[in-house]
Amino acid sequence: MIPAARRVVLLADSTKFGQEHFARFGDLAQVDLLITDTGLGSDDALAIEAQGTEVARA
């Protein structure tokens, strides 16, 4: 589904980052916009943005 989308937006809370999970839908590099909470550290946000994903922390 990701390759067919014009824009991919991921909404995830910060506790999902840095952990291994059973299921995976794709890579963050495939996401255009990540919306998360302020618990995501600045270093992590910069690393994600370096992959080409816009990060919005609210």
C-alpha atoms as a PDB file:
ATOM      1  CA  MET A   1       0.000   0.000   0.000  1.00  0.00           C
ATOM      2  CA  ILE A   2       2.842   2.416   0.724  1.00  0.00           C
ATOM      3  CA  PRO A   3       4.135   2.460  -2.876  1.00  0.00           C
ATOM      4  CA  ALA A   4       0.628   3.312  -4.127  1.00  0.00           C
ATOM      5  CA  ALA A   5       0.190   6.289  -1.781  1.00  0.00           C
ATOM      6  CA  ARG A   6       0.808   9.894  -2.790  1.00  0.00           C
ATOM      7  CA  ARG A   7       1.722  10.778   0.805  1.00  0.00           C
ATOM      8  CA  VAL A   8       2.425   8.515   3.777  1.00  0.00           C
ATOM      9  CA  VAL A   9       1.704   9.859   7.267  1.00  0.00           C
ATOM     10  CA  LEU A  10       2.540   7.859  10.396  1.00  0.00           C
ATOM     11  CA  LEU A  11       1.024   8.685  13.779  1.00  0.00           C
ATOM     12  CA  ALA A  12       2.958   6.962  16.581  1.00  0.00           C
ATOM     13  CA  ASP A  13       3.761   7.790  20.183  1.00  0.00           C
ATOM     14  CA  SER A  14       7.415   8.083  21.164  1.00  0.00           C
ATOM     15  CA  THR A  15       7.442   4.818  23.131  1.00  0.00           C
ATOM     16  CA  LYS A  16       7.365   2.898  19.829  1.00  0.00           C
ATOM     17  CA  PHE A  17      10.872   4.022  18.814  1.00  0.00           C
ATOM     18  CA  GLY A  18      14.027   2.115  19.692  1.00  0.00           C
ATOM     19  CA  GLN A  19      12.220  -1.174  20.335  1.00  0.00           C
ATOM     20  CA  GLU A  20      11.845  -4.432  18.424  1.00  0.00           C
ATOM     21  CA  HIS A  21       8.278  -5.350  17.479  1.00  0.00           C
ATOM     22  CA  PHE A  22       6.663  -8.486  16.090  1.00  0.00           C
ATOM     23  CA  ALA A  23       5.111  -6.836  13.039  1.00  0.00           C
ATOM     24  CA  ARG A  24       6.578  -4.273  10.650  1.00  0.00           C
ATOM     25  CA  PHE A  25       4.856  -2.419   7.825  1.00  0.00           C
ATOM     26  CA  GLY A  26       7.849  -0.667   6.268  1.00  0.00           C
ATOM     27  CA  ASP A  27      10.805   1.649   6.859  1.00  0.00           C
ATOM     28  CA  LEU A  28      10.679   5.195   8.205  1.00  0.00           C
ATOM     29  CA  ALA A  29      12.386   6.287   4.994  1.00  0.00           C
ATOM     30  CA  GLN A  30       9.092   5.447   3.237  1.00  0.00           C
ATOM     31  CA  VAL A  31       7.145   7.840   5.477  1.00  0.00           C
ATOM     32  CA  ASP A  32       6.678  11.460   4.395  1.00  0.00           C
ATOM     33  CA  LEU A  33       5.456  12.793   7.745  1.00  0.00           C
ATOM     34  CA  LEU A  34       5.810  11.356  11.245  1.00  0.00           C
ATOM     35  CA  ILE A  35       3.510  12.821  13.891  1.00  0.00           C
ATOM     36  CA  THR A  36       4.523  11.949  17.452  1.00  0.00           C
ATOM     37  CA  ASP A  37       4.626  13.353  20.958  1.00  0.00           C
ATOM     38  CA  THR A  38       7.344  15.440  22.607  1.00  0.00           C
ATOM     39  CA  GLY A  39       8.834  12.322  24.211  1.00  0.00           C
ATOM     40  CA  LEU A  40      10.844  11.719  21.035  1.00  0.00           C
ATOM     41  CA  GLY A  41      14.306  13.132  21.661  1.00  0.00           C
ATOM     42  CA  SER A  42      15.842  15.798  19.457  1.00  0.00           C
ATOM     43  CA  ASP A  43      18.672  13.480  18.376  1.00  0.00           C
ATOM     44  CA  ASP A  44      16.173  10.819  17.281  1.00  0.00           C
ATOM     45  CA  ALA A  45      14.069  13.400  15.453  1.00  0.00           C
ATOM     46  CA  LEU A  46      17.134  14.696  13.595  1.00  0.00           C
ATOM     47  CA  ALA A  47      18.149  11.159  12.620  1.00  0.00           C
ATOM     48  CA  ILE A  48      14.671  10.501  11.228  1.00  0.00           C
ATOM     49  CA  GLU A  49      14.655  13.806   9.342  1.00  0.00           C
ATOM     50  CA  ALA A  50      18.062  12.941   7.861  1.00  0.00           C
ATOM     51  CA  GLN A  51      16.324   9.979   6.177  1.00  0.00           C
ATOM     52  CA  GLY A  52      13.951  12.411   4.452  1.00  0.00           C
ATOM     53  CA  THR A  53      10.979  12.118   6.820  1.00  0.00           C
ATOM     54  CA  GLU A  54       9.411  15.292   8.208  1.00  0.00           C
ATOM     55  CA  VAL A  55       8.858  15.074  11.991  1.00  0.00           C
ATOM     56  CA  ALA A  56       6.092  16.912  13.843  1.00  0.00           C
ATOM     57  CA  ARG A  57       6.167  16.695  17.651  1.00  0.00           C
ATOM     58  CA  ALA A  58       3.040  17.834  19.467  1.00  0.00           C
END
